[in-house]
Amino acid sequence: MNIYDLDLQGLTAQLAELGQPAFRARQIYAHLYKKLANDFAAMTDLSAALREQLAAKFQIGGLELVREQTTDDGLTRKVLWRCPGNAVIETVLMIYPPDRATICVSTQAGCAMGCVFCATGKLGLLRNISSGEIMEQVLHFERYLRTEGAAIAKRHGGPVPDHITNLVFMGMGEPFANYDRWWAAVERLNDKQGFNLGARNMTVSTVGLVKGIRQLADEALQVNLAVSLHAPNDQLRSELMPVNDRFDISDLMDAVRYYTDKTHRRVSFEYVLLDDKNDTPELAAQLASLVKGMLCHVNLIPWNPVPGTPLTRSHRERVTAFQRVVQAAGISCTVRVERGVEIAAACGQLAALPAPTSPMNLY
């Protein structure tokens, strides 16, 4: 049994089967999520006999680290994992000196949503991953920052975080298509007795699964919401994102308004810009009209190259022109900073592929 799949209540029940009191479960839980122990032998405040019982009953994680790649002078780091059953997932750490370290976490191996501009979507859905496999991605990079943070700071001549400050569920997969396991991981990450990451430091991205948006609005934890929009009308959005045939823009906007009315939290609309596809001033005006009056922010993302896809990214001038139209309507609108493109670690590129053999010409 992967011990990361258990919350504190579940761990307490498992320890009770071994004849152990509840406080032992709390000790082990703290070892796992505060001290980041990845070996029962390191839990020296437990008896040797209990450590042997734990090692016989549980494993600490089940992911196999296959490959690590770095870019941006070491500030962006991507890990390829093999899951039990041979499916693969990827996780990305992005360090922004002096005070931010963001981890981009996968919630599925592959993805069934089929967005035409996304490398992960080309894989199809391989399998859902467990809450423990989600946790393991986070804990790996938390250990990395704690042990290597000082060396990274020295190399860059200034402070960097020694812990994860922000978490985005924007890796491989659609989180709301694996909602229960994803939410179990969110609760464990937020647990003050465990990892203790504030819910407001977490953001989940969805292609627009309406039921999931409404369910998130009703949850107690205030996790931020990002919605992958990518087109301001149904015809174009269905062409780019098959999910729009199930949940059209009207249904999606109703769900987003429910979320903002219930939580009073701003939604981020993600918009990948594709050259001569969805980046015209006319479409920018449509987008502005669609979201005007909503509690929202528009995040423009110049498309990141995906091998075998007959698409090109918008030229910088078109990106700027698009942004100006949206901003002129009084809507907050920014362009995402590029990170990790050289190792296929940027938005839409995660597909367990090797790094490109030559530098990518983005413009």
Protein backbone atom coordinates (compact mmCIF):
# COMPACT_ATOMS: atom_id res chain seq x y z
CA MET A 1 0.00 0.00 0.00
CA ASN A 2 1.26 3.46 -0.93
CA ILE A 3 1.19 5.33 2.38
CA TYR A 4 0.82 8.63 0.51
CA ASP A 5 -2.68 7.51 -0.50
CA LEU A 6 -3.83 7.76 3.13
CA ASP A 7 -5.06 10.86 4.90
CA LEU A 8 -4.53 11.12 8.64
CA GLN A 9 -7.83 9.41 9.40
CA GLY A 10 -7.00 6.54 7.06
CA LEU A 11 -3.49 6.23 8.48
CA THR A 12 -4.90 6.17 12.00
CA ALA A 13 -7.21 3.30 11.03
CA GLN A 14 -4.33 1.37 9.48
CA LEU A 15 -2.19 1.86 12.58
CA ALA A 16 -5.06 0.70 14.77
CA GLU A 17 -4.96 -2.63 12.88
CA LEU A 18 -1.35 -2.91 14.03
CA GLY A 19 -2.42 -2.25 17.61
CA GLN A 20 -0.97 1.26 17.62
CA PRO A 21 -2.56 4.33 19.25
CA ALA A 22 -3.71 7.37 17.26
CA PHE A 23 -0.74 9.50 18.31
CA ARG A 24 1.58 7.13 16.41
CA ALA A 25 -0.30 7.93 13.22
CA ARG A 26 0.17 11.63 13.87
CA GLN A 27 3.91 11.04 14.39
CA ILE A 28 4.22 9.17 11.10
CA TYR A 29 2.09 11.76 9.31
CA ALA A 30 4.44 14.51 10.51
CA HIS A 31 7.45 12.50 9.38
CA LEU A 32 5.96 12.15 5.90
CA TYR A 33 4.69 15.67 5.29
CA LYS A 34 6.69 17.96 7.57
CA LYS A 35 10.05 16.20 7.85
CA LEU A 36 9.68 14.70 4.34
CA ALA A 37 10.95 11.27 5.38
CA ASN A 38 11.08 8.81 2.50
CA ASP A 39 12.36 5.85 4.53
CA PHE A 40 10.76 4.33 7.62
CA ALA A 41 14.26 3.79 9.02
CA ALA A 42 14.58 7.57 9.41
CA MET A 43 11.62 7.65 11.82
CA THR A 44 13.86 7.02 14.81
CA ASP A 45 11.31 8.08 17.41
CA LEU A 46 9.41 4.89 16.52
CA SER A 47 10.45 1.51 17.82
CA ALA A 48 12.50 -0.72 15.54
CA ALA A 49 9.71 -3.29 15.64
CA LEU A 50 7.11 -0.77 14.47
CA ARG A 51 9.37 0.49 11.71
CA GLU A 52 9.70 -3.08 10.47
CA GLN A 53 5.91 -3.49 10.56
CA LEU A 54 5.46 -0.29 8.59
CA ALA A 55 8.01 -1.33 5.97
CA ALA A 56 6.22 -4.66 5.57
CA LYS A 57 2.79 -3.07 5.20
CA PHE A 58 3.49 0.14 3.26
CA GLN A 59 5.71 1.68 0.64
CA ILE A 60 6.56 5.38 0.73
CA GLY A 61 5.57 6.37 -2.79
CA GLY A 62 5.37 4.32 -5.95
CA LEU A 63 6.65 6.60 -8.73
CA GLU A 64 9.89 5.78 -10.52
CA LEU A 65 12.02 8.79 -11.43
CA VAL A 66 13.02 8.28 -15.07
CA ARG A 67 14.59 11.58 -16.13
CA GLU A 68 15.29 15.10 -14.88
CA GLN A 69 15.93 18.07 -17.17
CA THR A 70 16.77 21.70 -16.42
CA THR A 71 16.74 24.99 -18.29
CA ASP A 72 16.54 28.73 -17.57
CA ASP A 73 19.93 28.52 -15.86
CA GLY A 74 18.65 25.82 -13.54
CA LEU A 75 15.56 27.74 -12.41
CA THR A 76 13.18 25.45 -14.32
CA ARG A 77 13.34 21.72 -13.66
CA LYS A 78 11.21 18.95 -15.15
CA VAL A 79 10.88 15.37 -13.89
CA LEU A 80 9.54 12.41 -15.85
CA TRP A 81 7.95 9.71 -13.69
CA ARG A 82 6.89 6.16 -14.49
CA CYS A 83 3.78 5.10 -12.60
CA PRO A 84 2.97 1.53 -11.58
CA GLY A 85 1.53 -0.03 -14.72
CA ASN A 86 4.04 1.85 -16.92
CA ALA A 87 2.07 5.04 -17.64
CA VAL A 88 4.16 8.22 -17.40
CA ILE A 89 3.58 11.70 -16.00
CA GLU A 90 5.67 14.88 -15.74
CA THR A 91 6.10 17.55 -13.07
CA VAL A 92 7.73 20.98 -13.43
CA LEU A 93 9.33 23.27 -10.84
CA MET A 94 9.76 26.96 -11.71
CA ILE A 95 11.82 29.15 -9.37
CA TYR A 96 11.28 32.91 -9.53
CA PRO A 97 13.86 34.67 -7.33
CA PRO A 98 13.71 35.98 -4.75
CA ASP A 99 10.54 34.63 -3.18
CA ARG A 100 8.47 32.31 -5.39
CA ALA A 101 8.78 28.64 -6.29
CA THR A 102 5.87 27.22 -8.26
CA ILE A 103 5.31 23.54 -8.94
CA CYS A 104 3.15 22.41 -11.87
CA VAL A 105 1.58 19.06 -10.99
CA SER A 106 -0.06 16.36 -13.14
CA THR A 107 -3.40 14.83 -12.14
CA GLN A 108 -3.74 12.19 -14.88
CA ALA A 109 -1.41 10.23 -17.12
CA GLY A 110 -2.35 11.55 -20.53
CA CYS A 111 -5.63 13.39 -21.11
CA ALA A 112 -8.93 12.58 -22.80
CA MET A 113 -9.90 16.17 -23.62
CA GLY A 114 -8.18 16.26 -27.03
CA CYS A 115 -7.40 19.99 -27.32
CA VAL A 116 -5.72 20.35 -30.71
CA PHE A 117 -2.86 22.57 -29.51
CA CYS A 118 -1.84 20.41 -26.53
CA ALA A 119 0.81 17.68 -26.56
CA THR A 120 -0.75 15.85 -23.61
CA GLY A 121 -4.07 15.57 -25.43
CA LYS A 122 -2.39 13.66 -28.24
CA LEU A 123 -1.67 10.82 -25.79
CA GLY A 124 -5.29 10.20 -24.88
CA LEU A 125 -6.09 9.15 -21.33
CA LEU A 126 -3.70 6.48 -20.05
CA ARG A 127 -5.06 6.38 -16.50
CA ASN A 128 -6.09 8.47 -13.52
CA ILE A 129 -3.41 8.84 -10.90
CA SER A 130 -3.98 8.47 -7.18
CA SER A 131 -3.94 11.17 -4.52
CA GLY A 132 -0.68 9.66 -3.29
CA GLU A 133 0.92 9.97 -6.73
CA ILE A 134 -0.12 13.62 -6.80
CA MET A 135 1.39 14.11 -3.33
CA GLU A 136 4.62 12.37 -4.30
CA GLN A 137 5.28 14.88 -7.11
CA VAL A 138 5.01 17.75 -4.65
CA LEU A 139 7.11 16.14 -1.92
CA HIS A 140 9.93 15.36 -4.35
CA PHE A 141 10.41 19.02 -5.20
CA GLU A 142 9.90 20.17 -1.62
CA ARG A 143 12.86 17.93 -0.67
CA TYR A 144 14.84 19.32 -3.60
CA LEU A 145 14.30 22.93 -2.52
CA ARG A 146 15.11 22.22 1.12
CA THR A 147 18.37 20.49 0.24
CA GLU A 148 19.45 22.52 -2.81
CA GLY A 149 17.91 25.94 -2.11
CA ALA A 150 21.07 27.37 -0.58
CA ALA A 151 23.21 26.14 -3.48
CA ILE A 152 20.76 27.58 -6.02
CA ALA A 153 20.80 30.92 -4.18
CA LYS A 154 24.60 30.95 -4.16
CA ARG A 155 24.76 30.16 -7.86
CA HIS A 156 22.36 32.99 -8.71
CA GLY A 157 23.81 35.49 -6.28
CA GLY A 158 20.59 36.17 -4.43
CA PRO A 159 17.88 34.53 -2.34
CA VAL A 160 15.52 31.87 -3.64
CA PRO A 161 12.79 30.04 -1.72
CA ASP A 162 13.74 26.88 0.17
CA HIS A 163 10.19 25.54 -0.10
CA ILE A 164 7.27 25.44 -2.53
CA THR A 165 5.29 28.67 -2.32
CA ASN A 166 2.71 28.06 -5.05
CA LEU A 167 1.17 25.02 -6.69
CA VAL A 168 -0.71 24.84 -9.99
CA PHE A 169 -2.64 21.80 -11.16
CA MET A 170 -1.80 22.54 -14.78
CA GLY A 171 0.33 19.53 -15.68
CA MET A 172 -0.84 16.47 -17.56
CA GLY A 173 -4.54 15.68 -17.35
CA GLU A 174 -7.84 17.35 -16.51
CA PRO A 175 -8.10 17.63 -12.71
CA PHE A 176 -11.90 17.69 -12.65
CA ALA A 177 -12.00 14.38 -14.58
CA ASN A 178 -10.19 12.87 -11.56
CA TYR A 179 -11.94 15.08 -9.03
CA ASP A 180 -12.11 12.88 -5.91
CA ARG A 181 -8.44 11.84 -5.98
CA TRP A 182 -7.35 15.37 -6.87
CA TRP A 183 -9.38 16.90 -4.04
CA ALA A 184 -8.06 14.34 -1.55
CA ALA A 185 -4.56 15.54 -2.43
CA VAL A 186 -5.62 19.19 -2.06
CA GLU A 187 -6.96 18.54 1.43
CA ARG A 188 -3.78 16.72 2.44
CA LEU A 189 -1.57 19.47 1.01
CA ASN A 190 -3.56 22.05 2.95
CA ASP A 191 -3.70 20.06 6.21
CA LYS A 192 -2.00 22.06 8.98
CA GLN A 193 -0.89 18.80 10.61
CA GLY A 194 0.76 17.83 7.35
CA PHE A 195 2.15 19.78 4.40
CA ASN A 196 0.34 22.99 5.36
CA LEU A 197 0.21 24.81 2.00
CA GLY A 198 -2.49 27.49 1.95
CA ALA A 199 -5.40 26.83 -0.40
CA ARG A 200 -5.03 30.33 -1.82
CA ASN A 201 -1.56 29.32 -2.98
CA MET A 202 -3.05 26.57 -5.14
CA THR A 203 -4.65 27.01 -8.58
CA VAL A 204 -6.53 24.41 -10.58
CA SER A 205 -6.95 24.66 -14.34
CA THR A 206 -9.87 23.09 -16.20
CA VAL A 207 -10.88 22.91 -19.85
CA GLY A 208 -14.37 23.79 -18.66
CA LEU A 209 -15.96 20.79 -16.96
CA VAL A 210 -19.04 22.56 -15.63
CA LYS A 211 -19.86 20.08 -12.88
CA GLY A 212 -16.33 20.38 -11.49
CA ILE A 213 -16.42 24.19 -11.48
CA ARG A 214 -19.69 24.18 -9.54
CA GLN A 215 -18.40 21.52 -7.16
CA LEU A 216 -15.24 23.54 -6.49
CA ALA A 217 -17.36 26.59 -5.72
CA ASP A 218 -19.10 24.63 -2.95
CA GLU A 219 -15.89 23.35 -1.34
CA ALA A 220 -14.66 24.80 1.95
CA LEU A 221 -11.09 25.46 0.75
CA GLN A 222 -10.47 28.56 -1.36
CA VAL A 223 -8.52 27.07 -4.26
CA ASN A 224 -8.05 29.44 -7.21
CA LEU A 225 -9.66 28.62 -10.55
CA ALA A 226 -8.22 29.01 -14.05
CA VAL A 227 -10.42 28.22 -17.05
CA SER A 228 -8.93 27.28 -20.41
CA LEU A 229 -11.06 29.35 -22.79
CA HIS A 230 -8.93 29.86 -25.94
CA ALA A 231 -11.79 31.15 -28.10
CA PRO A 232 -14.67 33.60 -27.55
CA ASN A 233 -17.32 31.84 -29.66
CA ASP A 234 -18.65 28.29 -29.83
CA GLN A 235 -17.70 27.56 -33.44
CA LEU A 236 -14.02 28.31 -32.95
CA ARG A 237 -13.83 26.85 -29.45
CA SER A 238 -15.34 23.55 -30.60
CA GLU A 239 -12.75 23.43 -33.37
CA LEU A 240 -9.93 23.87 -30.86
CA MET A 241 -11.45 22.10 -27.85
CA PRO A 242 -13.86 19.17 -28.37
CA VAL A 243 -15.14 19.59 -24.80
CA ASN A 244 -17.08 22.64 -26.02
CA ASP A 245 -19.50 20.27 -27.77
CA ARG A 246 -20.49 18.99 -24.30
CA PHE A 247 -20.32 22.26 -22.38
CA ASP A 248 -20.69 25.29 -24.61
CA ILE A 249 -19.57 28.78 -23.71
CA SER A 250 -22.96 29.75 -22.28
CA ASP A 251 -22.95 26.78 -19.89
CA LEU A 252 -19.32 27.47 -19.01
CA MET A 253 -19.91 31.14 -18.23
CA ASP A 254 -22.92 30.27 -16.07
CA ALA A 255 -20.72 27.91 -14.05
CA VAL A 256 -17.96 30.51 -13.72
CA ARG A 257 -20.44 33.12 -12.51
CA TYR A 258 -21.70 30.61 -9.96
CA TYR A 259 -18.11 30.17 -8.78
CA THR A 260 -17.38 33.89 -8.50
CA ASP A 261 -20.74 34.67 -6.86
CA LYS A 262 -20.22 31.89 -4.31
CA THR A 263 -16.53 32.45 -3.55
CA HIS A 264 -15.98 36.13 -4.44
CA ARG A 265 -12.69 34.99 -5.95
CA ARG A 266 -11.36 36.15 -9.32
CA VAL A 267 -11.21 33.62 -12.14
CA SER A 268 -8.34 33.52 -14.62
CA PHE A 269 -9.29 32.87 -18.24
CA GLU A 270 -6.40 31.19 -20.06
CA TYR A 271 -6.13 32.00 -23.76
CA VAL A 272 -3.50 30.30 -25.95
CA LEU A 273 -2.72 32.50 -28.96
CA LEU A 274 -2.42 30.72 -32.33
CA ASP A 275 -1.25 32.64 -35.37
CA ASP A 276 -4.12 33.69 -37.63
CA LYS A 277 -6.44 31.30 -35.78
CA ASN A 278 -7.73 32.97 -32.63
CA ASP A 279 -5.53 36.07 -32.34
CA THR A 280 -7.28 38.74 -34.41
CA PRO A 281 -8.44 42.10 -33.01
CA GLU A 282 -12.02 41.10 -33.84
CA LEU A 283 -11.74 38.01 -31.64
CA ALA A 284 -10.08 40.07 -28.92
CA ALA A 285 -13.13 42.35 -28.98
CA GLN A 286 -15.41 39.30 -28.77
CA LEU A 287 -13.43 38.01 -25.81
CA ALA A 288 -13.64 41.36 -24.04
CA SER A 289 -17.39 41.46 -24.59
CA LEU A 290 -17.79 37.90 -23.32
CA VAL A 291 -16.02 38.43 -19.99
CA LYS A 292 -16.76 42.11 -19.35
CA GLY A 293 -18.35 42.65 -15.97
CA MET A 294 -17.09 39.35 -14.59
CA LEU A 295 -14.67 39.04 -11.68
CA CYS A 296 -11.84 37.83 -13.87
CA HIS A 297 -8.39 38.21 -15.36
CA VAL A 298 -7.31 37.20 -18.87
CA ASN A 299 -3.97 35.41 -19.17
CA LEU A 300 -2.65 35.32 -22.75
CA ILE A 301 -0.30 32.43 -23.58
CA PRO A 302 1.65 32.49 -26.85
CA TRP A 303 1.37 28.88 -28.04
CA ASN A 304 4.33 26.66 -27.21
CA PRO A 305 5.58 24.39 -30.01
CA VAL A 306 4.21 20.82 -30.11
CA PRO A 307 5.86 18.39 -32.58
CA GLY A 308 3.60 17.20 -35.38
CA THR A 309 1.00 19.93 -34.89
CA PRO A 310 0.25 22.16 -37.92
CA LEU A 311 -0.01 25.30 -35.80
CA THR A 312 2.22 28.30 -35.22
CA ARG A 313 2.38 30.78 -32.36
CA SER A 314 1.16 34.31 -32.75
CA HIS A 315 3.81 36.89 -33.59
CA ARG A 316 4.74 39.21 -30.76
CA GLU A 317 3.08 42.17 -32.46
CA ARG A 318 -0.23 40.28 -32.70
CA VAL A 319 0.01 39.26 -29.05
CA THR A 320 0.52 42.89 -28.04
CA ALA A 321 -2.31 44.10 -30.27
CA PHE A 322 -4.67 41.46 -28.85
CA GLN A 323 -3.76 42.44 -25.31
CA ARG A 324 -4.39 46.14 -26.01
CA VAL A 325 -7.91 45.47 -27.26
CA VAL A 326 -8.80 43.49 -24.14
CA GLN A 327 -7.22 46.05 -21.81
CA ALA A 328 -8.99 48.91 -23.60
CA ALA A 329 -12.28 47.33 -22.51
CA GLY A 330 -11.17 47.72 -18.90
CA ILE A 331 -10.27 44.07 -18.37
CA SER A 332 -7.10 42.96 -16.58
CA CYS A 333 -4.98 41.15 -19.18
CA THR A 334 -1.37 39.94 -19.06
CA VAL A 335 0.93 37.78 -21.18
CA ARG A 336 2.41 34.73 -19.48
CA VAL A 337 6.18 34.75 -18.99
CA GLU A 338 7.88 31.97 -20.94
CA ARG A 339 9.55 29.23 -18.89
CA GLY A 340 10.77 25.77 -19.82
CA VAL A 341 10.14 25.80 -23.57
CA GLU A 342 13.63 24.43 -24.35
CA ILE A 343 12.91 21.20 -22.44
CA ALA A 344 9.25 20.88 -23.50
CA ALA A 345 8.17 21.89 -19.99
CA ALA A 346 5.98 24.88 -20.88
CA CYS A 347 2.20 25.13 -21.04
CA GLY A 348 0.74 22.48 -23.36
CA GLN A 349 4.04 20.67 -23.96
CA LEU A 350 3.98 17.91 -21.34
CA ALA A 351 3.93 14.56 -23.12
CA ALA A 352 6.96 12.68 -21.75
CA LEU A 353 9.04 13.61 -24.80
CA PRO A 354 12.82 14.14 -24.80
CA ALA A 355 14.17 17.68 -24.91
CA PRO A 356 14.38 19.17 -28.42
CA THR A 357 17.69 18.46 -30.13
CA SER A 358 18.05 22.07 -31.23
CA PRO A 359 16.87 25.41 -29.79
CA MET A 360 13.28 26.33 -30.65
CA ASN A 361 12.77 29.43 -32.75
CA LEU A 362 9.73 30.92 -31.06
CA TYR A 363 9.23 33.89 -33.37
